[in-house]
Amino acid sequence: MSSRLPSPFQGDFFRKPIFESLTPTPVLDAGRFRSRLKRAMSAALRDHETNRETVCAEMSRQLGQAVSKGMLDAYTAEAKPHDISLVRFKAFVRAVHAPWLWDVAVSEEGLVILRGDEPRLAEIARLQQEQKAIAAQLKALRSAPVDIKRGR
């Protein structure tokens, strides 16, 4: 049995990147987007540890206005044409503790949400890329001899 590590250029069929590179969709397909968002919100409700009434109560508390179970059902039912406003969506995300819903909301724009300390990783990668570019410039400058005219 070989103890060699796999080539870094060989992909892993089962590995999915944590931060996928996304490309914006050229045209907004409102129906498709609406369905994706409603399905994701429904999944978040199913995964949440409390019932819809509790979610409505928490949303109502955050918004300072009543959110009924009927409204919540309309926001999550694909068959209903009711769209949730951004403010209500934010209250919903907080009420069901599902920040991953923001990724669903912005992914078709080619965006990825970074949470907590994750932006620091992006900044580290940016600085490392800058560092490599500077190192390449220095290498190019060092590759040619410097003819010093002073002191002769």
N, C-alpha and C. Protein backbone atom coordinates (compact mmCIF):
# COMPACT_ATOMS: atom_id res chain seq x y z
N MET A 1 0.85 -1.19 0.00
CA MET A 1 0.00 0.00 0.00
C MET A 1 0.89 1.24 0.00
N SER A 2 0.60 2.17 -0.87
CA SER A 2 1.39 3.37 -1.03
C SER A 2 0.97 4.41 0.00
N SER A 3 1.93 5.14 0.53
CA SER A 3 1.63 6.19 1.50
C SER A 3 1.73 7.57 0.86
N ARG A 4 1.75 7.61 -0.46
CA ARG A 4 1.85 8.88 -1.16
C ARG A 4 0.58 9.70 -0.99
N LEU A 5 0.78 10.99 -0.89
CA LEU A 5 -0.37 11.89 -0.82
C LEU A 5 -0.90 12.12 -2.23
N PRO A 6 -2.18 12.37 -2.36
CA PRO A 6 -2.73 12.63 -3.69
C PRO A 6 -2.15 13.94 -4.25
N SER A 7 -2.12 14.02 -5.55
CA SER A 7 -1.63 15.22 -6.21
C SER A 7 -2.52 16.40 -5.85
N PRO A 8 -1.93 17.57 -5.60
CA PRO A 8 -2.76 18.74 -5.29
C PRO A 8 -3.59 19.19 -6.49
N PHE A 9 -3.24 18.69 -7.69
CA PHE A 9 -3.96 19.07 -8.91
C PHE A 9 -5.12 18.11 -9.21
N GLN A 10 -5.21 17.04 -8.43
CA GLN A 10 -6.27 16.06 -8.64
C GLN A 10 -7.47 16.44 -7.78
N GLY A 11 -8.62 16.54 -8.40
CA GLY A 11 -9.83 16.91 -7.66
C GLY A 11 -10.34 15.75 -6.83
N ASP A 12 -11.12 16.08 -5.82
CA ASP A 12 -11.76 15.08 -4.97
C ASP A 12 -13.24 15.07 -5.32
N PHE A 13 -13.71 13.94 -5.76
CA PHE A 13 -15.08 13.80 -6.22
C PHE A 13 -16.10 14.12 -5.11
N PHE A 14 -15.75 13.83 -3.87
CA PHE A 14 -16.70 13.97 -2.76
C PHE A 14 -16.53 15.26 -1.98
N ARG A 15 -15.47 16.00 -2.21
CA ARG A 15 -15.20 17.21 -1.46
C ARG A 15 -15.92 18.40 -2.08
N LYS A 16 -16.64 19.11 -1.25
CA LYS A 16 -17.32 20.32 -1.70
C LYS A 16 -16.65 21.50 -0.99
N PRO A 17 -16.30 22.55 -1.75
CA PRO A 17 -15.64 23.69 -1.10
C PRO A 17 -16.57 24.37 -0.10
N ILE A 18 -16.00 24.89 0.96
CA ILE A 18 -16.79 25.61 1.95
C ILE A 18 -17.29 26.92 1.37
N PHE A 19 -16.40 27.62 0.66
CA PHE A 19 -16.77 28.87 0.01
C PHE A 19 -16.68 28.64 -1.50
N GLU A 20 -17.82 28.39 -2.10
CA GLU A 20 -17.86 28.15 -3.54
C GLU A 20 -17.72 29.47 -4.30
N SER A 21 -17.04 29.41 -5.43
CA SER A 21 -17.01 30.56 -6.33
C SER A 21 -18.30 30.55 -7.12
N LEU A 22 -18.98 31.67 -7.10
CA LEU A 22 -20.28 31.76 -7.76
C LEU A 22 -20.23 32.80 -8.87
N THR A 23 -21.04 32.59 -9.86
CA THR A 23 -21.18 33.53 -10.97
C THR A 23 -22.61 34.04 -10.96
N PRO A 24 -22.79 35.35 -11.12
CA PRO A 24 -24.16 35.86 -11.14
C PRO A 24 -24.94 35.30 -12.33
N THR A 25 -26.21 35.06 -12.10
CA THR A 25 -27.06 34.63 -13.21
C THR A 25 -27.35 35.87 -14.06
N PRO A 26 -27.31 35.73 -15.38
CA PRO A 26 -27.46 36.91 -16.25
C PRO A 26 -28.86 37.53 -16.20
N VAL A 27 -29.87 36.71 -15.97
CA VAL A 27 -31.25 37.20 -15.99
C VAL A 27 -31.96 36.72 -14.73
N LEU A 28 -32.72 37.60 -14.12
CA LEU A 28 -33.50 37.22 -12.95
C LEU A 28 -34.69 36.38 -13.39
N ASP A 29 -34.74 35.16 -12.91
CA ASP A 29 -35.91 34.31 -13.11
C ASP A 29 -36.68 34.39 -11.79
N ALA A 30 -37.61 35.33 -11.72
CA ALA A 30 -38.32 35.61 -10.46
C ALA A 30 -39.04 34.38 -9.93
N GLY A 31 -39.68 33.62 -10.79
CA GLY A 31 -40.40 32.43 -10.34
C GLY A 31 -39.47 31.40 -9.73
N ARG A 32 -38.35 31.18 -10.38
CA ARG A 32 -37.37 30.21 -9.87
C ARG A 32 -36.79 30.68 -8.53
N PHE A 33 -36.44 31.97 -8.47
CA PHE A 33 -35.88 32.53 -7.24
C PHE A 33 -36.90 32.43 -6.11
N ARG A 34 -38.15 32.80 -6.40
CA ARG A 34 -39.22 32.74 -5.40
C ARG A 34 -39.36 31.31 -4.85
N SER A 35 -39.35 30.33 -5.76
CA SER A 35 -39.48 28.92 -5.34
C SER A 35 -38.31 28.49 -4.48
N ARG A 36 -37.09 28.83 -4.90
CA ARG A 36 -35.90 28.45 -4.12
C ARG A 36 -35.96 29.04 -2.71
N LEU A 37 -36.32 30.31 -2.62
CA LEU A 37 -36.36 30.97 -1.32
C LEU A 37 -37.46 30.38 -0.44
N LYS A 38 -38.63 30.14 -1.01
CA LYS A 38 -39.73 29.57 -0.23
C LYS A 38 -39.39 28.15 0.24
N ARG A 39 -38.76 27.35 -0.63
CA ARG A 39 -38.35 25.99 -0.22
C ARG A 39 -37.31 26.05 0.90
N ALA A 40 -36.36 26.96 0.78
CA ALA A 40 -35.33 27.10 1.82
C ALA A 40 -35.93 27.55 3.14
N MET A 41 -36.86 28.49 3.08
CA MET A 41 -37.52 28.95 4.31
C MET A 41 -38.33 27.83 4.94
N SER A 42 -39.01 27.03 4.12
CA SER A 42 -39.76 25.88 4.63
C SER A 42 -38.84 24.89 5.31
N ALA A 43 -37.68 24.63 4.69
CA ALA A 43 -36.70 23.71 5.28
C ALA A 43 -36.20 24.25 6.62
N ALA A 44 -35.97 25.56 6.69
CA ALA A 44 -35.52 26.16 7.95
C ALA A 44 -36.57 26.01 9.04
N LEU A 45 -37.84 26.16 8.66
CA LEU A 45 -38.92 25.96 9.64
C LEU A 45 -38.96 24.51 10.13
N ARG A 46 -38.81 23.57 9.19
CA ARG A 46 -38.84 22.14 9.58
C ARG A 46 -37.66 21.81 10.51
N ASP A 47 -36.51 22.42 10.25
CA ASP A 47 -35.31 22.14 11.06
C ASP A 47 -35.32 22.86 12.40
N HIS A 48 -36.14 23.89 12.51
CA HIS A 48 -36.17 24.69 13.75
C HIS A 48 -36.85 23.89 14.86
N GLU A 49 -36.38 24.09 16.08
CA GLU A 49 -36.85 23.28 17.21
C GLU A 49 -38.22 23.68 17.76
N THR A 50 -38.78 24.80 17.31
CA THR A 50 -40.10 25.22 17.81
C THR A 50 -41.13 25.22 16.69
N ASN A 51 -42.36 25.52 17.05
CA ASN A 51 -43.45 25.52 16.07
C ASN A 51 -43.60 26.89 15.39
N ARG A 52 -44.47 26.94 14.39
CA ARG A 52 -44.67 28.17 13.60
C ARG A 52 -45.22 29.32 14.44
N GLU A 53 -46.06 29.01 15.40
CA GLU A 53 -46.63 30.06 16.25
C GLU A 53 -45.52 30.78 17.03
N THR A 54 -44.55 30.00 17.51
CA THR A 54 -43.43 30.59 18.25
C THR A 54 -42.57 31.45 17.32
N VAL A 55 -42.39 30.97 16.11
CA VAL A 55 -41.62 31.76 15.12
C VAL A 55 -42.35 33.06 14.83
N CYS A 56 -43.66 33.00 14.65
CA CYS A 56 -44.47 34.21 14.40
C CYS A 56 -44.36 35.18 15.57
N ALA A 57 -44.44 34.65 16.78
CA ALA A 57 -44.35 35.50 17.97
C ALA A 57 -42.99 36.19 18.03
N GLU A 58 -41.92 35.47 17.72
CA GLU A 58 -40.57 36.06 17.74
C GLU A 58 -40.42 37.10 16.64
N MET A 59 -40.94 36.80 15.45
CA MET A 59 -40.89 37.78 14.36
C MET A 59 -41.68 39.03 14.74
N SER A 60 -42.85 38.85 15.33
CA SER A 60 -43.69 39.98 15.75
C SER A 60 -42.96 40.83 16.77
N ARG A 61 -42.29 40.18 17.70
CA ARG A 61 -41.53 40.91 18.72
C ARG A 61 -40.43 41.74 18.08
N GLN A 62 -39.69 41.14 17.14
CA GLN A 62 -38.59 41.84 16.50
C GLN A 62 -39.07 43.01 15.63
N LEU A 63 -40.18 42.79 14.93
CA LEU A 63 -40.67 43.80 13.99
C LEU A 63 -41.52 44.88 14.65
N GLY A 64 -42.07 44.56 15.82
CA GLY A 64 -42.97 45.50 16.49
C GLY A 64 -44.33 45.55 15.82
N GLN A 65 -44.66 44.50 15.07
CA GLN A 65 -45.97 44.38 14.43
C GLN A 65 -46.32 42.91 14.28
N ALA A 66 -47.60 42.64 14.20
CA ALA A 66 -48.06 41.25 14.20
C ALA A 66 -47.69 40.52 12.91
N VAL A 67 -47.20 39.30 13.08
CA VAL A 67 -46.97 38.38 11.97
C VAL A 67 -47.78 37.13 12.30
N SER A 68 -48.77 36.83 11.49
CA SER A 68 -49.66 35.70 11.77
C SER A 68 -49.11 34.42 11.15
N LYS A 69 -49.64 33.30 11.62
CA LYS A 69 -49.27 32.01 11.05
C LYS A 69 -49.67 31.94 9.58
N GLY A 70 -50.81 32.54 9.25
CA GLY A 70 -51.27 32.58 7.86
C GLY A 70 -50.28 33.32 6.97
N MET A 71 -49.73 34.43 7.48
CA MET A 71 -48.73 35.18 6.71
C MET A 71 -47.48 34.33 6.51
N LEU A 72 -47.05 33.68 7.59
CA LEU A 72 -45.85 32.85 7.51
C LEU A 72 -46.07 31.70 6.52
N ASP A 73 -47.25 31.10 6.57
CA ASP A 73 -47.57 30.03 5.63
C ASP A 73 -47.54 30.54 4.18
N ALA A 74 -48.04 31.75 3.96
CA ALA A 74 -48.05 32.33 2.61
C ALA A 74 -46.63 32.61 2.13
N TYR A 75 -45.75 33.04 3.05
CA TYR A 75 -44.36 33.32 2.68
C TYR A 75 -43.59 32.05 2.31
N THR A 76 -44.02 30.91 2.85
CA THR A 76 -43.26 29.67 2.63
C THR A 76 -43.93 28.69 1.67
N ALA A 77 -45.13 28.99 1.22
CA ALA A 77 -45.85 28.09 0.31
C ALA A 77 -45.54 28.47 -1.15
N GLU A 78 -44.99 27.53 -1.89
CA GLU A 78 -44.65 27.80 -3.29
C GLU A 78 -45.87 28.14 -4.12
N ALA A 79 -47.02 27.60 -3.77
CA ALA A 79 -48.23 27.82 -4.54
C ALA A 79 -48.81 29.23 -4.34
N LYS A 80 -48.37 29.92 -3.29
CA LYS A 80 -48.90 31.25 -3.01
C LYS A 80 -47.96 32.32 -3.56
N PRO A 81 -48.51 33.38 -4.14
CA PRO A 81 -47.67 34.42 -4.77
C PRO A 81 -47.11 35.46 -3.80
N HIS A 82 -47.33 35.29 -2.51
CA HIS A 82 -46.90 36.29 -1.53
C HIS A 82 -45.39 36.23 -1.31
N ASP A 83 -44.73 37.37 -1.51
CA ASP A 83 -43.29 37.47 -1.28
C ASP A 83 -43.05 38.15 0.06
N ILE A 84 -42.03 37.70 0.75
CA ILE A 84 -41.65 38.28 2.03
C ILE A 84 -40.79 39.52 1.78
N SER A 85 -40.99 40.57 2.56
CA SER A 85 -40.16 41.77 2.43
C SER A 85 -38.78 41.48 3.05
N LEU A 86 -37.82 42.30 2.73
CA LEU A 86 -36.47 42.11 3.24
C LEU A 86 -36.43 42.22 4.76
N VAL A 87 -37.15 43.18 5.31
CA VAL A 87 -37.18 43.36 6.77
C VAL A 87 -37.79 42.14 7.45
N ARG A 88 -38.87 41.63 6.90
CA ARG A 88 -39.51 40.44 7.47
C ARG A 88 -38.62 39.20 7.28
N PHE A 89 -37.94 39.13 6.14
CA PHE A 89 -37.01 38.03 5.90
C PHE A 89 -35.91 38.03 6.97
N LYS A 90 -35.39 39.20 7.27
CA LYS A 90 -34.35 39.31 8.30
C LYS A 90 -34.88 38.84 9.66
N ALA A 91 -36.09 39.24 10.00
CA ALA A 91 -36.70 38.80 11.26
C ALA A 91 -36.91 37.29 11.25
N PHE A 92 -37.32 36.74 10.10
CA PHE A 92 -37.51 35.29 9.97
C PHE A 92 -36.19 34.55 10.18
N VAL A 93 -35.13 35.01 9.52
CA VAL A 93 -33.82 34.37 9.64
C VAL A 93 -33.38 34.33 11.10
N ARG A 94 -33.60 35.43 11.79
CA ARG A 94 -33.22 35.49 13.21
C ARG A 94 -34.12 34.60 14.06
N ALA A 95 -35.40 34.58 13.76
CA ALA A 95 -36.36 33.81 14.56
C ALA A 95 -36.10 32.31 14.45
N VAL A 96 -35.67 31.83 13.27
CA VAL A 96 -35.43 30.39 13.11
C VAL A 96 -33.94 30.04 13.23
N HIS A 97 -33.13 31.05 13.53
CA HIS A 97 -31.68 30.84 13.71
C HIS A 97 -31.07 30.13 12.50
N ALA A 98 -31.33 30.69 11.31
CA ALA A 98 -30.86 30.07 10.06
C ALA A 98 -30.14 31.11 9.19
N PRO A 99 -28.96 31.58 9.63
CA PRO A 99 -28.25 32.59 8.83
C PRO A 99 -27.86 32.09 7.44
N TRP A 100 -27.85 30.78 7.23
CA TRP A 100 -27.53 30.22 5.92
C TRP A 100 -28.54 30.64 4.85
N LEU A 101 -29.73 31.10 5.28
CA LEU A 101 -30.73 31.56 4.32
C LEU A 101 -30.25 32.78 3.53
N TRP A 102 -29.35 33.56 4.12
CA TRP A 102 -28.80 34.70 3.39
C TRP A 102 -28.03 34.22 2.16
N ASP A 103 -27.34 33.09 2.28
CA ASP A 103 -26.62 32.54 1.13
C ASP A 103 -27.58 32.20 0.00
N VAL A 104 -28.74 31.66 0.36
CA VAL A 104 -29.75 31.33 -0.65
C VAL A 104 -30.23 32.62 -1.32
N ALA A 105 -30.43 33.66 -0.52
CA ALA A 105 -30.97 34.91 -1.04
C ALA A 105 -30.01 35.62 -1.99
N VAL A 106 -28.71 35.51 -1.78
CA VAL A 106 -27.75 36.29 -2.59
C VAL A 106 -26.92 35.47 -3.57
N SER A 107 -27.03 34.15 -3.54
CA SER A 107 -26.15 33.31 -4.36
C SER A 107 -26.29 33.54 -5.86
N GLU A 108 -27.50 33.85 -6.34
CA GLU A 108 -27.69 34.09 -7.77
C GLU A 108 -27.06 35.40 -8.23
N GLU A 109 -26.62 36.22 -7.30
CA GLU A 109 -25.90 37.45 -7.63
C GLU A 109 -24.39 37.21 -7.64
N GLY A 110 -23.99 35.95 -7.39
CA GLY A 110 -22.57 35.62 -7.35
C GLY A 110 -21.93 35.98 -6.02
N LEU A 111 -22.74 36.15 -4.99
CA LEU A 111 -22.25 36.57 -3.68
C LEU A 111 -22.26 35.42 -2.68
N VAL A 112 -21.36 35.50 -1.73
CA VAL A 112 -21.28 34.55 -0.63
C VAL A 112 -21.24 35.36 0.66
N ILE A 113 -21.97 34.93 1.64
CA ILE A 113 -21.99 35.61 2.93
C ILE A 113 -20.87 35.05 3.81
N LEU A 114 -20.08 35.94 4.37
CA LEU A 114 -19.05 35.55 5.33
C LEU A 114 -19.56 35.92 6.72
N ARG A 115 -19.46 34.98 7.65
CA ARG A 115 -20.01 35.18 8.99
C ARG A 115 -18.90 35.25 10.03
N GLY A 116 -19.16 35.99 11.08
CA GLY A 116 -18.23 36.04 12.21
C GLY A 116 -16.84 36.48 11.81
N ASP A 117 -15.88 35.62 12.04
CA ASP A 117 -14.47 35.93 11.79
C ASP A 117 -14.02 35.53 10.39
N GLU A 118 -14.92 35.00 9.56
CA GLU A 118 -14.55 34.53 8.22
C GLU A 118 -13.98 35.63 7.32
N PRO A 119 -14.43 36.88 7.41
CA PRO A 119 -13.81 37.91 6.57
C PRO A 119 -12.30 38.05 6.79
N ARG A 120 -11.85 37.71 7.99
CA ARG A 120 -10.41 37.76 8.26
C ARG A 120 -9.66 36.77 7.38
N LEU A 121 -10.27 35.59 7.14
CA LEU A 121 -9.65 34.61 6.24
C LEU A 121 -9.52 35.18 4.83
N ALA A 122 -10.54 35.87 4.37
CA ALA A 122 -10.50 36.48 3.05
C ALA A 122 -9.41 37.55 2.99
N GLU A 123 -9.26 38.32 4.04
CA GLU A 123 -8.22 39.35 4.09
C GLU A 123 -6.83 38.72 4.10
N ILE A 124 -6.67 37.62 4.82
CA ILE A 124 -5.38 36.90 4.83
C ILE A 124 -5.05 36.42 3.42
N ALA A 125 -6.02 35.83 2.74
CA ALA A 125 -5.79 35.33 1.38
C ALA A 125 -5.46 36.48 0.43
N ARG A 126 -6.13 37.62 0.58
CA ARG A 126 -5.86 38.78 -0.27
C ARG A 126 -4.44 39.28 -0.06
N LEU A 127 -4.02 39.36 1.21
CA LEU A 127 -2.67 39.82 1.51
C LEU A 127 -1.61 38.83 1.01
N GLN A 128 -1.90 37.53 1.11
CA GLN A 128 -0.97 36.53 0.60
C GLN A 128 -0.83 36.65 -0.92
N GLN A 129 -1.92 36.91 -1.59
CA GLN A 129 -1.89 37.09 -3.05
C GLN A 129 -1.06 38.33 -3.40
N GLU A 130 -1.25 39.40 -2.65
CA GLU A 130 -0.48 40.63 -2.85
C GLU A 130 1.01 40.37 -2.60
N GLN A 131 1.29 39.59 -1.54
CA GLN A 131 2.66 39.24 -1.19
C GLN A 131 3.33 38.47 -2.32
N LYS A 132 2.61 37.54 -2.95
CA LYS A 132 3.15 36.77 -4.07
C LYS A 132 3.44 37.67 -5.26
N ALA A 133 2.55 38.62 -5.52
CA ALA A 133 2.75 39.55 -6.63
C ALA A 133 4.00 40.41 -6.40
N ILE A 134 4.19 40.87 -5.18
CA ILE A 134 5.37 41.67 -4.84
C ILE A 134 6.62 40.82 -4.96
N ALA A 135 6.55 39.57 -4.50
CA ALA A 135 7.71 38.66 -4.61
C ALA A 135 8.07 38.44 -6.08
N ALA A 136 7.07 38.31 -6.95
CA ALA A 136 7.34 38.12 -8.39
C ALA A 136 7.98 39.37 -8.97
N GLN A 137 7.54 40.55 -8.55
CA GLN A 137 8.14 41.80 -9.03
C GLN A 137 9.60 41.91 -8.57
N LEU A 138 9.84 41.56 -7.30
CA LEU A 138 11.21 41.59 -6.78
C LEU A 138 12.11 40.61 -7.54
N LYS A 139 11.61 39.44 -7.82
CA LYS A 139 12.37 38.44 -8.57
C LYS A 139 12.74 38.97 -9.95
N ALA A 140 11.78 39.60 -10.61
CA ALA A 140 12.04 40.16 -11.93
C ALA A 140 13.09 41.27 -11.86
N LEU A 141 13.00 42.11 -10.85
CA LEU A 141 13.98 43.19 -10.69
C LEU A 141 15.37 42.64 -10.36
N ARG A 142 15.43 41.58 -9.57
CA ARG A 142 16.71 40.98 -9.19
C ARG A 142 17.34 40.15 -10.32
N SER A 143 16.55 39.78 -11.30
CA SER A 143 17.07 38.91 -12.36
C SER A 143 18.06 39.61 -13.28
N ALA A 144 18.01 40.91 -13.34
CA ALA A 144 18.96 41.66 -14.18
C ALA A 144 19.99 42.32 -13.28
N PRO A 145 21.27 42.28 -13.66
CA PRO A 145 22.30 42.92 -12.84
C PRO A 145 22.10 44.43 -12.79
N VAL A 146 22.50 45.01 -11.70
CA VAL A 146 22.41 46.45 -11.52
C VAL A 146 23.78 47.04 -11.78
N ASP A 147 23.86 47.95 -12.71
CA ASP A 147 25.13 48.59 -13.05
C ASP A 147 25.23 49.89 -12.24
N ILE A 148 26.07 49.88 -11.24
CA ILE A 148 26.21 51.02 -10.35
C ILE A 148 27.27 51.95 -10.94
N LYS A 149 26.91 53.19 -11.20
CA LYS A 149 27.79 54.19 -11.82
C LYS A 149 28.55 55.01 -10.78
N ARG A 150 28.11 55.05 -9.60
CA ARG A 150 28.74 55.89 -8.57
C ARG A 150 30.01 55.24 -8.05
N GLY A 151 30.90 56.04 -7.61
CA GLY A 151 32.11 55.55 -6.97
C GLY A 151 33.18 55.10 -7.94
N ARG A 152 33.08 55.36 -9.19
CA ARG A 152 34.12 54.94 -10.15
C ARG A 152 35.11 56.02 -10.40
